[in-house]
N, C-alpha and C. Protein backbone atom coordinates (compact mmCIF):
# COMPACT_ATOMS: atom_id res chain seq x y z
N MET A 1 153.82 78.23 153.72
CA MET A 1 155.77 78.57 154.27
C MET A 1 156.44 77.90 152.98
N GLU A 2 156.49 78.18 151.67
CA GLU A 2 156.69 78.52 150.57
C GLU A 2 157.14 79.47 150.57
N LYS A 3 156.41 80.97 150.22
CA LYS A 3 156.22 81.65 150.56
C LYS A 3 157.41 82.84 151.54
N LEU A 4 157.04 82.01 152.44
CA LEU A 4 158.26 82.26 153.23
C LEU A 4 159.49 82.52 153.25
N GLN A 5 159.72 81.02 152.68
CA GLN A 5 161.18 80.55 151.95
C GLN A 5 161.91 80.81 150.73
N ASP A 6 160.63 82.03 150.47
CA ASP A 6 160.84 82.88 149.37
C ASP A 6 161.59 84.32 149.38
N VAL A 7 160.92 84.41 150.66
CA VAL A 7 161.64 85.94 151.54
C VAL A 7 162.37 85.81 152.04
N TYR A 8 163.43 84.55 153.60
CA TYR A 8 163.93 84.46 154.82
C TYR A 8 165.26 83.18 153.80
N GLY A 9 164.35 82.81 152.81
CA GLY A 9 165.86 81.45 152.20
C GLY A 9 166.19 80.71 153.14
N ASP A 10 166.99 80.57 154.08
CA ASP A 10 168.45 79.59 154.21
C ASP A 10 167.59 79.62 155.77
N ASP A 11 167.13 81.54 156.16
CA ASP A 11 166.73 81.59 157.77
C ASP A 11 165.43 81.26 157.81
N THR A 12 164.42 80.91 157.12
CA THR A 12 162.99 80.63 156.61
C THR A 12 163.50 79.40 158.39
N MET A 13 162.01 79.29 159.51
CA MET A 13 161.94 79.28 160.69
C MET A 13 161.46 77.40 160.39
N SER A 14 161.70 76.76 160.39
CA SER A 14 161.37 75.54 160.09
C SER A 14 159.22 75.44 160.52
N ARG A 15 159.38 74.03 159.81
CA ARG A 15 157.07 74.20 160.36
C ARG A 15 157.20 73.56 161.92
N ALA A 16 158.51 72.85 162.03
CA ALA A 16 158.40 72.57 163.18
C ALA A 16 159.18 72.94 164.17
N TRP A 17 160.14 73.93 164.33
CA TRP A 17 160.04 74.89 164.78
C TRP A 17 158.35 75.98 165.19
N ALA A 18 158.25 76.84 163.68
CA ALA A 18 156.90 77.14 164.31
C ALA A 18 155.90 76.02 165.25
N PHE A 19 155.81 75.17 166.04
CA PHE A 19 155.00 73.93 166.55
C PHE A 19 155.12 74.31 167.78
N GLU A 20 156.61 74.75 167.85
CA GLU A 20 157.16 74.78 168.84
C GLU A 20 157.54 75.96 169.45
N TRP A 21 157.77 76.57 168.95
CA TRP A 21 156.85 78.40 169.09
C TRP A 21 155.63 78.41 169.64
N HIS A 22 155.57 78.45 168.92
CA HIS A 22 153.43 78.21 169.18
C HIS A 22 153.11 77.87 170.55
N ARG A 23 153.56 76.68 170.59
CA ARG A 23 153.54 75.72 172.50
C ARG A 23 154.35 76.44 173.47
N ARG A 24 155.15 76.67 172.55
CA ARG A 24 155.73 77.38 173.85
C ARG A 24 154.88 79.07 174.51
N PHE A 25 154.98 80.07 173.48
CA PHE A 25 153.50 80.54 173.60
C PHE A 25 152.58 80.75 174.34
N LYS A 26 151.88 80.17 174.08
CA LYS A 26 150.63 78.63 175.11
C LYS A 26 151.39 78.46 176.43
N LYS A 27 152.07 77.97 176.38
CA LYS A 27 152.17 77.72 177.88
C LYS A 27 153.37 79.63 179.04
N GLY A 28 153.46 80.24 177.88
CA GLY A 28 153.57 81.64 178.59
C GLY A 28 154.47 82.32 178.40
N MET A 29 155.45 81.16 178.32
CA MET A 29 156.46 82.14 177.21
C MET A 29 156.13 83.81 177.04
N LYS A 30 156.71 84.31 176.89
CA LYS A 30 157.24 86.03 177.08
C LYS A 30 157.89 86.76 176.07
N ASP A 31 159.11 85.74 176.11
CA ASP A 31 160.25 86.28 175.44
C ASP A 31 160.75 85.70 174.40
N VAL A 32 161.36 85.80 173.64
CA VAL A 32 161.50 85.48 171.78
C VAL A 32 163.06 84.49 172.35
N GLU A 33 162.75 85.06 172.87
CA GLU A 33 165.16 84.39 172.77
C GLU A 33 164.89 82.97 172.86
N ASP A 34 165.64 82.13 172.33
CA ASP A 34 166.21 80.52 171.95
C ASP A 34 166.57 80.33 173.65
N ASP A 35 166.81 79.68 174.01
CA ASP A 35 166.99 78.86 175.85
C ASP A 35 168.83 78.64 174.87
N PRO A 36 169.32 78.98 176.11
CA PRO A 36 170.88 79.03 176.16
C PRO A 36 171.18 77.49 175.58
N LYS A 37 172.14 77.39 175.02
CA LYS A 37 172.42 76.43 173.94
C LYS A 37 173.78 75.24 174.81
N ASN A 38 174.03 74.53 174.94
CA ASN A 38 174.91 73.98 175.05
C ASN A 38 176.02 73.66 173.42
N GLY A 39 177.13 73.53 173.45
CA GLY A 39 178.21 72.90 173.08
C GLY A 39 179.03 74.53 171.65
N ARG A 40 179.34 73.77 171.19
CA ARG A 40 180.09 74.83 170.01
C ARG A 40 178.68 75.57 169.43
N PRO A 41 179.02 77.01 169.06
CA PRO A 41 177.76 77.68 167.80
C PRO A 41 177.88 77.21 166.87
N ALA A 42 176.57 77.55 166.01
CA ALA A 42 176.75 76.48 164.64
C ALA A 42 177.66 77.70 163.67
N THR A 43 178.24 77.52 162.32
CA THR A 43 178.55 77.54 162.00
C THR A 43 177.94 78.28 160.98
N LEU A 44 178.04 79.88 160.69
CA LEU A 44 177.56 80.63 159.39
C LEU A 44 178.20 80.56 158.25
N ARG A 45 176.96 80.76 156.80
CA ARG A 45 177.80 80.39 156.09
C ARG A 45 178.48 81.57 155.69
N THR A 46 179.26 81.84 155.59
CA THR A 46 179.59 83.51 155.60
C THR A 46 180.61 83.36 154.19
N GLU A 47 181.31 84.28 153.80
CA GLU A 47 181.82 84.40 152.52
C GLU A 47 183.50 83.60 152.65
N GLU A 48 184.41 83.59 153.76
CA GLU A 48 184.88 82.49 154.33
C GLU A 48 184.94 80.88 153.72
N ASN A 49 184.18 80.99 154.67
CA ASN A 49 183.74 79.92 154.58
C ASN A 49 182.99 78.73 153.48
N VAL A 50 182.58 79.93 152.60
CA VAL A 50 181.77 79.41 151.06
C VAL A 50 183.27 79.39 150.30
N GLU A 51 184.41 80.23 150.59
CA GLU A 51 185.74 80.23 149.88
C GLU A 51 186.87 78.84 150.27
N LEU A 52 186.89 78.68 151.35
CA LEU A 52 187.89 77.46 151.72
C LEU A 52 186.69 75.85 151.62
N VAL A 53 185.47 75.94 151.68
CA VAL A 53 184.69 74.32 150.89
C VAL A 53 185.12 74.37 149.47
N CYS A 54 185.36 75.57 148.46
CA CYS A 54 184.93 75.61 147.44
C CYS A 54 186.64 74.97 147.20
N GLN A 55 187.62 75.68 147.97
CA GLN A 55 189.12 75.27 147.70
C GLN A 55 189.35 73.48 147.64
N LYS A 56 188.44 73.35 149.16
CA LYS A 56 188.17 71.44 148.64
C LYS A 56 187.49 70.66 148.00
N VAL A 57 186.53 72.12 147.64
CA VAL A 57 186.19 70.78 145.75
C VAL A 57 186.93 71.14 145.12
N HIS A 58 187.49 71.76 144.73
CA HIS A 58 187.87 71.87 143.34
C HIS A 58 189.64 71.64 143.70
N GLY A 59 189.99 71.18 145.00
CA GLY A 59 191.04 70.83 145.11
C GLY A 59 191.40 69.22 145.15
N ASP A 60 190.38 68.35 144.72
CA ASP A 60 190.35 66.57 145.94
C ASP A 60 188.93 66.55 145.65
N HIS A 61 188.45 66.60 143.92
CA HIS A 61 187.73 65.89 144.04
C HIS A 61 186.70 63.88 144.80
N HIS A 62 187.53 63.56 144.76
CA HIS A 62 187.23 62.37 145.68
C HIS A 62 186.66 62.47 146.99
N LEU A 63 187.22 64.11 147.86
CA LEU A 63 186.03 63.80 148.79
C LEU A 63 185.11 63.59 149.22
N THR A 64 184.56 63.53 150.55
CA THR A 64 183.27 63.22 150.04
C THR A 64 182.89 64.70 151.51
N VAL A 65 181.02 64.65 151.66
CA VAL A 65 180.84 66.01 152.32
C VAL A 65 181.45 65.60 153.80
N ALA A 66 181.66 64.84 154.29
CA ALA A 66 181.85 64.63 155.53
C ALA A 66 183.44 64.72 156.05
N MET A 67 184.00 64.54 154.52
CA MET A 67 185.26 64.39 154.93
C MET A 67 185.82 66.27 154.62
N ILE A 68 185.07 66.58 153.99
CA ILE A 68 184.95 68.83 154.38
C ILE A 68 185.11 68.99 155.65
N ALA A 69 183.45 68.53 155.84
CA ALA A 69 183.46 68.89 157.74
C ALA A 69 184.02 68.67 158.03
N LYS A 70 184.18 67.71 158.37
CA LYS A 70 186.07 67.33 158.81
C LYS A 70 186.83 68.10 158.99
N GLU A 71 187.41 68.14 157.99
CA GLU A 71 188.81 68.76 158.04
C GLU A 71 188.29 70.47 157.78
N LEU A 72 187.24 70.65 158.07
CA LEU A 72 187.57 72.45 158.15
C LEU A 72 186.16 72.90 158.83
N ASP A 73 185.92 71.24 160.65
CA ASP A 73 185.52 71.65 161.66
C ASP A 73 184.00 72.36 160.86
N MET A 74 183.60 71.71 160.23
CA MET A 74 182.31 72.31 160.59
C MET A 74 180.75 71.19 160.26
N ASN A 75 179.50 72.22 160.00
CA ASN A 75 178.41 70.70 160.29
C ASN A 75 178.46 70.40 159.36
N CYS A 76 177.94 68.97 158.85
CA CYS A 76 177.52 68.06 157.60
C CYS A 76 176.93 68.97 156.58
N GLU A 77 175.50 69.43 157.09
CA GLU A 77 174.87 70.14 156.97
C GLU A 77 174.59 71.42 156.36
N ARG A 78 175.58 71.58 157.00
CA ARG A 78 176.51 73.58 156.37
C ARG A 78 177.48 72.89 155.13
N VAL A 79 178.80 71.66 155.43
CA VAL A 79 178.97 72.02 153.73
C VAL A 79 178.12 71.91 152.52
N TRP A 80 176.89 71.00 152.81
CA TRP A 80 176.53 70.02 151.24
C TRP A 80 175.36 71.75 151.65
N THR A 81 175.07 72.53 152.28
CA THR A 81 174.02 73.87 151.25
C THR A 81 175.01 74.38 151.46
N ILE A 82 176.22 74.76 151.67
CA ILE A 82 177.28 75.65 150.73
C ILE A 82 177.55 75.33 149.68
N ILE A 83 177.58 73.66 149.03
CA ILE A 83 178.23 73.14 147.94
C ILE A 83 176.74 73.41 146.90
N THR A 84 175.42 73.08 147.55
CA THR A 84 174.47 72.91 146.42
C THR A 84 174.07 74.79 146.78
N LYS A 85 174.06 75.30 147.93
CA LYS A 85 173.46 76.71 147.22
C LYS A 85 174.36 77.85 146.78
N ASP A 86 175.90 77.76 146.95
CA ASP A 86 175.97 78.95 146.66
C ASP A 86 177.53 78.04 145.27
N LEU A 87 178.17 77.23 145.62
CA LEU A 87 179.26 76.52 143.95
C LEU A 87 178.39 76.88 143.30
N ILE A 88 177.09 75.83 143.20
CA ILE A 88 176.50 75.29 141.99
C ILE A 88 175.81 76.16 141.10
N SER A 89 175.26 77.16 142.33
CA SER A 89 174.57 78.93 141.70
C SER A 89 175.77 79.89 141.12
N VAL A 90 176.98 79.36 141.26
CA VAL A 90 177.89 80.39 140.75
C VAL A 90 178.09 79.85 139.18
N GLN A 91 178.38 78.04 139.14
CA GLN A 91 178.33 77.38 138.19
C GLN A 91 177.33 78.10 136.90
N LYS A 92 176.26 78.06 137.81
CA LYS A 92 174.69 78.07 136.56
C LYS A 92 175.30 79.26 136.08
């Protein structure tokens, strides 16, 4: 799994999803497309989103991840990923 993560980074399928796809194919599923989802699509780690999070973090150090996510209408996990993967790596 680590080798896949080295190559694909955040796009690596989780172990749980690998088992789920295996189960689906064993049941006869032939299509590799995900089932349609309800609700708002996931927000991607775009340059624009990274910049918006960066502005929030540098603008007010008292904001929490949840507060930033709410203000930017983003998922908390996505904000955390941007902070830990994009912003911290820039400072190193």
